[in-house]
Amino acid sequence: MAHADGRGIGRVVVGLGNPGPEYRDTRHNVGHRVLDALAKTVRGSWRRDGAAVLARGRWRGESVCLIKPLAFMNESGPVVAKTLSRVDAGPVDLILVYDDIDLPLGTVRVRMKGSHGGHNGVRSVIEALGTQEIKRVKVGIGRPDRKNDIRDHVLTSFEREELPAVDAAVAEAAEKVLALLA
C-alpha cells in the first residue's frame, strides 16, 4: 500500500474506542462513530477479523480498510499494529480517528504527526508502531470542569443537547478523513 518512495497513501483508517455495547455511545467512542459514517460512504460492511472488526470498501476507485480494534482504548496499540500487518499496511498508510478532551465539543482537527497529547489510546498506538508519524483526525468532546472527572467524562454518553454538535463533528471528521484519503 505504500509508494516506492515510502510515502503512504492513507488507505487504512482506525477509529479508537472501547469494545462492548455499554461503551458504544460514550464520548471515548466517537472514533467508532466516525468509522460507522465512513463505512456507509465507502459501502463497507463490518466483520470480525482477529482482535478487530474491519469494513472494506472503495473511495474514488481505491480500496479502503476501516478498523475498529476490539481492545480497550489504553491497549489499542498492539491490536492496531497486528491488524495493520494483517492488511499489509504500515504507519504511513494509517489515519487514526479519536476523541480529544482538549478540543471544544464539536471541533475537528487534522494533524499529520505529533505526540499522544495525553491520550492513552494514542500513546498505545505510538508505542506499538514505534512512530509519531501518524496522520490523525481528532474530534473534540470537551473537557470536564475538574481534572479528576476526566475518566468519568470520557466514559459517559453525550447529553441530548450535545448530539447535534456531535453529529455535525462526526460528519465533518468523516469528510476530513475522505480528504486525506484523496
C-alpha atoms as a PDB file:
ATOM      1  CA  MET A   1       0.000   0.000   0.000  1.00  0.00           C
ATOM      2  CA  ALA A   2       2.995   2.328   0.153  1.00  0.00           C
ATOM      3  CA  HIS A   3       4.569   4.032  -2.817  1.00  0.00           C
ATOM      4  CA  ALA A   4       8.074   3.052  -3.903  1.00  0.00           C
ATOM      5  CA  ASP A   5       9.427   6.238  -2.310  1.00  0.00           C
ATOM      6  CA  GLY A   6       7.943   5.199   1.043  1.00  0.00           C
ATOM      7  CA  ARG A   7       5.053   7.682   1.019  1.00  0.00           C
ATOM      8  CA  GLY A   8       1.900   6.105   2.334  1.00  0.00           C
ATOM      9  CA  ILE A   9      -1.351   6.555   0.520  1.00  0.00           C
ATOM     10  CA  GLY A  10      -3.540   6.543   3.612  1.00  0.00           C
ATOM     11  CA  ARG A  11      -5.981   3.789   2.814  1.00  0.00           C
ATOM     12  CA  VAL A  12      -6.339   2.419   6.342  1.00  0.00           C
ATOM     13  CA  VAL A  13      -8.490   4.237   8.881  1.00  0.00           C
ATOM     14  CA  VAL A  14      -8.531   3.204  12.533  1.00  0.00           C
ATOM     15  CA  GLY A  15     -11.172   4.541  14.900  1.00  0.00           C
ATOM     16  CA  LEU A  16     -10.305   4.289  18.570  1.00  0.00           C
ATOM     17  CA  GLY A  17     -12.889   3.370  21.178  1.00  0.00           C
ATOM     18  CA  ASN A  18     -13.775   0.733  23.750  1.00  0.00           C
ATOM     19  CA  PRO A  19     -15.406  -2.595  22.853  1.00  0.00           C
ATOM     20  CA  GLY A  20     -18.835  -3.614  24.030  1.00  0.00           C
ATOM     21  CA  PRO A  21     -22.353  -2.214  23.881  1.00  0.00           C
ATOM     22  CA  GLU A  22     -22.010  -0.453  27.244  1.00  0.00           C
ATOM     23  CA  TYR A  23     -19.397   1.893  25.702  1.00  0.00           C
ATOM     24  CA  ARG A  24     -20.977   2.352  22.273  1.00  0.00           C
ATOM     25  CA  ASP A  25     -22.433   5.809  22.867  1.00  0.00           C
ATOM     26  CA  THR A  26     -19.700   7.204  25.129  1.00  0.00           C
ATOM     27  CA  ARG A  27     -17.512  10.193  24.356  1.00  0.00           C
ATOM     28  CA  HIS A  28     -14.443   7.946  24.150  1.00  0.00           C
ATOM     29  CA  ASN A  29     -16.064   6.053  21.253  1.00  0.00           C
ATOM     30  CA  VAL A  30     -16.526   8.997  18.913  1.00  0.00           C
ATOM     31  CA  GLY A  31     -13.792   7.437  16.706  1.00  0.00           C
ATOM     32  CA  HIS A  32     -16.089   4.442  16.191  1.00  0.00           C
ATOM     33  CA  ARG A  33     -18.957   6.781  15.260  1.00  0.00           C
ATOM     34  CA  VAL A  34     -16.805   8.384  12.574  1.00  0.00           C
ATOM     35  CA  LEU A  35     -15.887   4.965  11.167  1.00  0.00           C
ATOM     36  CA  ASP A  36     -19.550   3.931  11.097  1.00  0.00           C
ATOM     37  CA  ALA A  37     -20.273   7.036   8.997  1.00  0.00           C
ATOM     38  CA  LEU A  38     -17.318   6.247   6.724  1.00  0.00           C
ATOM     39  CA  ALA A  39     -18.471   2.636   6.286  1.00  0.00           C
ATOM     40  CA  LYS A  40     -21.712   3.919   4.769  1.00  0.00           C
ATOM     41  CA  THR A  41     -19.804   6.206   2.394  1.00  0.00           C
ATOM     42  CA  VAL A  42     -17.352   3.530   1.196  1.00  0.00           C
ATOM     43  CA  ARG A  43     -20.086   0.870   1.237  1.00  0.00           C
ATOM     44  CA  GLY A  44     -18.233  -1.381   3.639  1.00  0.00           C
ATOM     45  CA  SER A  45     -19.852  -3.904   5.951  1.00  0.00           C
ATOM     46  CA  TRP A  46     -18.344  -4.825   9.318  1.00  0.00           C
ATOM     47  CA  ARG A  47     -16.959  -8.282  10.052  1.00  0.00           C
ATOM     48  CA  ARG A  48     -14.752  -9.628  12.792  1.00  0.00           C
ATOM     49  CA  ASP A  49     -11.088 -10.228  11.928  1.00  0.00           C
ATOM     50  CA  GLY A  50      -8.995 -11.379  14.879  1.00  0.00           C
ATOM     51  CA  ALA A  51      -8.997  -8.728  17.609  1.00  0.00           C
ATOM     52  CA  ALA A  52     -10.682  -6.108  15.424  1.00  0.00           C
ATOM     53  CA  VAL A  53     -13.708  -5.517  13.253  1.00  0.00           C
ATOM     54  CA  LEU A  54     -12.995  -4.449   9.691  1.00  0.00           C
ATOM     55  CA  ALA A  55     -15.009  -2.939   6.890  1.00  0.00           C
ATOM     56  CA  ARG A  56     -13.526  -2.882   3.421  1.00  0.00           C
ATOM     57  CA  GLY A  57     -14.832  -0.537   0.791  1.00  0.00           C
ATOM     58  CA  ARG A  58     -13.857   1.760  -2.044  1.00  0.00           C
ATOM     59  CA  TRP A  59     -13.385   5.510  -2.243  1.00  0.00           C
ATOM     60  CA  ARG A  60     -12.679   7.166  -5.595  1.00  0.00           C
ATOM     61  CA  GLY A  61     -11.588   3.865  -7.111  1.00  0.00           C
ATOM     62  CA  GLU A  62      -9.191   2.965  -4.298  1.00  0.00           C
ATOM     63  CA  SER A  63      -9.674   0.285  -1.669  1.00  0.00           C
ATOM     64  CA  VAL A  64     -10.131   1.456   1.913  1.00  0.00           C
ATOM     65  CA  CYS A  65      -9.900  -0.618   5.080  1.00  0.00           C
ATOM     66  CA  LEU A  66     -11.683   0.647   8.186  1.00  0.00           C
ATOM     67  CA  ILE A  67     -10.600  -0.865  11.507  1.00  0.00           C
ATOM     68  CA  LYS A  68     -12.115  -0.771  14.990  1.00  0.00           C
ATOM     69  CA  PRO A  69      -9.821  -2.517  17.499  1.00  0.00           C
ATOM     70  CA  LEU A  70     -11.671  -4.814  19.911  1.00  0.00           C
ATOM     71  CA  ALA A  71      -9.362  -3.821  22.757  1.00  0.00           C
ATOM     72  CA  PHE A  72      -9.834  -1.241  25.448  1.00  0.00           C
ATOM     73  CA  MET A  73      -8.566   2.202  24.495  1.00  0.00           C
ATOM     74  CA  ASN A  74      -5.358   2.000  26.552  1.00  0.00           C
ATOM     75  CA  GLU A  75      -4.470  -1.352  24.936  1.00  0.00           C
ATOM     76  CA  SER A  76      -5.296  -0.455  21.319  1.00  0.00           C
ATOM     77  CA  GLY A  77      -1.726  -0.233  20.023  1.00  0.00           C
ATOM     78  CA  PRO A  78      -0.817  -3.923  19.777  1.00  0.00           C
ATOM     79  CA  VAL A  79      -4.141  -4.685  18.055  1.00  0.00           C
ATOM     80  CA  VAL A  80      -3.608  -1.815  15.587  1.00  0.00           C
ATOM     81  CA  ALA A  81      -0.039  -2.986  14.848  1.00  0.00           C
ATOM     82  CA  LYS A  82      -1.108  -6.597  14.318  1.00  0.00           C
ATOM     83  CA  THR A  83      -4.108  -5.651  12.175  1.00  0.00           C
ATOM     84  CA  LEU A  84      -2.028  -3.273  10.019  1.00  0.00           C
ATOM     85  CA  SER A  85       0.364  -6.154   9.399  1.00  0.00           C
ATOM     86  CA  ARG A  86      -2.553  -8.448   8.502  1.00  0.00           C
ATOM     87  CA  VAL A  87      -3.808  -5.968   5.888  1.00  0.00           C
ATOM     88  CA  ASP A  88      -0.261  -5.362   4.572  1.00  0.00           C
ATOM     89  CA  ALA A  89      -0.090  -1.724   5.682  1.00  0.00           C
ATOM     90  CA  GLY A  90       2.162   0.336   7.881  1.00  0.00           C
ATOM     91  CA  PRO A  91       2.001   3.522   9.937  1.00  0.00           C
ATOM     92  CA  VAL A  92       2.496   5.620   6.810  1.00  0.00           C
ATOM     93  CA  ASP A  93      -0.791   4.212   5.428  1.00  0.00           C
ATOM     94  CA  LEU A  94      -2.748   4.952   8.595  1.00  0.00           C
ATOM     95  CA  ILE A  95      -5.258   7.642   9.551  1.00  0.00           C
ATOM     96  CA  LEU A  96      -6.156   7.492  13.248  1.00  0.00           C
ATOM     97  CA  VAL A  97      -9.528   8.894  14.405  1.00  0.00           C
ATOM     98  CA  TYR A  98     -10.230   9.559  18.081  1.00  0.00           C
ATOM     99  CA  ASP A  99     -11.747  11.805  20.750  1.00  0.00           C
ATOM    100  CA  ASP A 100      -9.871  14.800  22.198  1.00  0.00           C
ATOM    101  CA  ILE A 101     -10.818  16.396  25.531  1.00  0.00           C
ATOM    102  CA  ASP A 102      -8.586  19.393  24.783  1.00  0.00           C
ATOM    103  CA  LEU A 103     -10.808  20.452  21.885  1.00  0.00           C
ATOM    104  CA  PRO A 104     -14.189  22.053  22.478  1.00  0.00           C
ATOM    105  CA  LEU A 105     -17.184  19.815  21.833  1.00  0.00           C
ATOM    106  CA  GLY A 106     -17.777  19.511  18.099  1.00  0.00           C
ATOM    107  CA  THR A 107     -14.378  20.818  16.974  1.00  0.00           C
ATOM    108  CA  VAL A 108     -12.453  18.694  14.465  1.00  0.00           C
ATOM    109  CA  ARG A 109      -8.695  18.955  13.853  1.00  0.00           C
ATOM    110  CA  VAL A 110      -6.324  17.204  11.492  1.00  0.00           C
ATOM    111  CA  ARG A 111      -2.700  16.574  12.434  1.00  0.00           C
ATOM    112  CA  MET A 112      -0.135  14.883  10.234  1.00  0.00           C
ATOM    113  CA  LYS A 113       2.081  13.762  13.158  1.00  0.00           C
ATOM    114  CA  GLY A 114       2.823  14.528  16.786  1.00  0.00           C
ATOM    115  CA  SER A 115       2.825  13.281  20.352  1.00  0.00           C
ATOM    116  CA  HIS A 116      -0.021  11.471  22.066  1.00  0.00           C
ATOM    117  CA  GLY A 117      -1.053  14.679  23.872  1.00  0.00           C
ATOM    118  CA  GLY A 118      -2.006  12.714  26.994  1.00  0.00           C
ATOM    119  CA  HIS A 119      -4.431  10.400  25.135  1.00  0.00           C
ATOM    120  CA  ASN A 120      -3.712   6.877  26.365  1.00  0.00           C
ATOM    121  CA  GLY A 121      -5.120   5.188  23.269  1.00  0.00           C
ATOM    122  CA  VAL A 122      -2.892   7.269  21.004  1.00  0.00           C
ATOM    123  CA  ARG A 123       0.051   6.638  23.356  1.00  0.00           C
ATOM    124  CA  SER A 124      -0.548   2.885  22.990  1.00  0.00           C
ATOM    125  CA  VAL A 125      -0.659   3.134  19.165  1.00  0.00           C
ATOM    126  CA  ILE A 126       2.510   5.276  19.006  1.00  0.00           C
ATOM    127  CA  GLU A 127       4.360   2.850  21.288  1.00  0.00           C
ATOM    128  CA  ALA A 128       3.208  -0.209  19.326  1.00  0.00           C
ATOM    129  CA  LEU A 129       4.068   1.308  15.933  1.00  0.00           C
ATOM    130  CA  GLY A 130       7.279   2.987  17.109  1.00  0.00           C
ATOM    131  CA  THR A 131       6.499   6.323  15.454  1.00  0.00           C
ATOM    132  CA  GLN A 132       4.661   9.596  15.982  1.00  0.00           C
ATOM    133  CA  GLU A 133       4.410   9.999  12.192  1.00  0.00           C
ATOM    134  CA  ILE A 134       0.732   9.083  12.116  1.00  0.00           C
ATOM    135  CA  LYS A 135      -1.965  11.106  10.381  1.00  0.00           C
ATOM    136  CA  ARG A 136      -4.873  11.790  12.710  1.00  0.00           C
ATOM    137  CA  VAL A 137      -8.318  13.287  12.852  1.00  0.00           C
ATOM    138  CA  LYS A 138      -9.308  14.421  16.354  1.00  0.00           C
ATOM    139  CA  VAL A 139     -12.885  15.107  17.426  1.00  0.00           C
ATOM    140  CA  GLY A 140     -13.418  17.453  20.362  1.00  0.00           C
ATOM    141  CA  ILE A 141     -15.504  16.100  23.219  1.00  0.00           C
ATOM    142  CA  GLY A 142     -14.834  18.990  25.615  1.00  0.00           C
ATOM    143  CA  ARG A 143     -13.053  18.920  28.954  1.00  0.00           C
ATOM    144  CA  PRO A 144     -14.815  18.369  32.294  1.00  0.00           C
ATOM    145  CA  ASP A 145     -14.718  21.123  34.903  1.00  0.00           C
ATOM    146  CA  ARG A 146     -12.449  19.196  37.276  1.00  0.00           C
ATOM    147  CA  LYS A 147      -9.342  17.200  36.334  1.00  0.00           C
ATOM    148  CA  ASN A 148     -10.365  14.186  38.445  1.00  0.00           C
ATOM    149  CA  ASP A 149     -13.570  13.907  36.413  1.00  0.00           C
ATOM    150  CA  ILE A 150     -11.756  13.070  33.131  1.00  0.00           C
ATOM    151  CA  ARG A 151     -12.242   9.276  33.351  1.00  0.00           C
ATOM    152  CA  ASP A 152     -15.944   9.667  34.119  1.00  0.00           C
ATOM    153  CA  HIS A 153     -16.297  12.319  31.402  1.00  0.00           C
ATOM    154  CA  VAL A 154     -14.898  10.179  28.573  1.00  0.00           C
ATOM    155  CA  LEU A 155     -16.938   7.160  29.666  1.00  0.00           C
ATOM    156  CA  THR A 156     -20.284   8.962  29.764  1.00  0.00           C
ATOM    157  CA  SER A 157     -22.731   9.366  26.917  1.00  0.00           C
ATOM    158  CA  PHE A 158     -23.313  12.703  25.274  1.00  0.00           C
ATOM    159  CA  GLU A 159     -26.176  14.781  26.630  1.00  0.00           C
ATOM    160  CA  ARG A 160     -29.202  15.132  24.351  1.00  0.00           C
ATOM    161  CA  GLU A 161     -28.460  18.838  23.746  1.00  0.00           C
ATOM    162  CA  GLU A 162     -24.890  17.937  22.686  1.00  0.00           C
ATOM    163  CA  LEU A 163     -25.950  15.466  19.993  1.00  0.00           C
ATOM    164  CA  PRO A 164     -26.426  17.991  17.143  1.00  0.00           C
ATOM    165  CA  ALA A 165     -22.838  19.222  17.656  1.00  0.00           C
ATOM    166  CA  VAL A 166     -21.578  15.649  17.910  1.00  0.00           C
ATOM    167  CA  ASP A 167     -23.408  14.563  14.749  1.00  0.00           C
ATOM    168  CA  ALA A 168     -22.022  17.578  12.867  1.00  0.00           C
ATOM    169  CA  ALA A 169     -18.494  16.832  14.132  1.00  0.00           C
ATOM    170  CA  VAL A 170     -18.761  13.168  13.111  1.00  0.00           C
ATOM    171  CA  ALA A 171     -19.820  14.218   9.599  1.00  0.00           C
ATOM    172  CA  GLU A 172     -17.003  16.794   9.421  1.00  0.00           C
ATOM    173  CA  ALA A 173     -14.430  14.286  10.682  1.00  0.00           C
ATOM    174  CA  ALA A 174     -15.580  11.751   8.065  1.00  0.00           C
ATOM    175  CA  GLU A 175     -15.166  14.404   5.357  1.00  0.00           C
ATOM    176  CA  LYS A 176     -11.657  15.233   6.609  1.00  0.00           C
ATOM    177  CA  VAL A 177     -10.723  11.536   6.529  1.00  0.00           C
ATOM    178  CA  LEU A 178     -12.007  11.278   2.955  1.00  0.00           C
ATOM    179  CA  ALA A 179      -9.964  14.365   2.028  1.00  0.00           C
ATOM    180  CA  LEU A 180      -6.847  12.699   3.483  1.00  0.00           C
ATOM    181  CA  LEU A 181      -7.655   9.522   1.540  1.00  0.00           C
ATOM    182  CA  ALA A 182      -7.911  11.544  -1.677  1.00  0.00           C
END
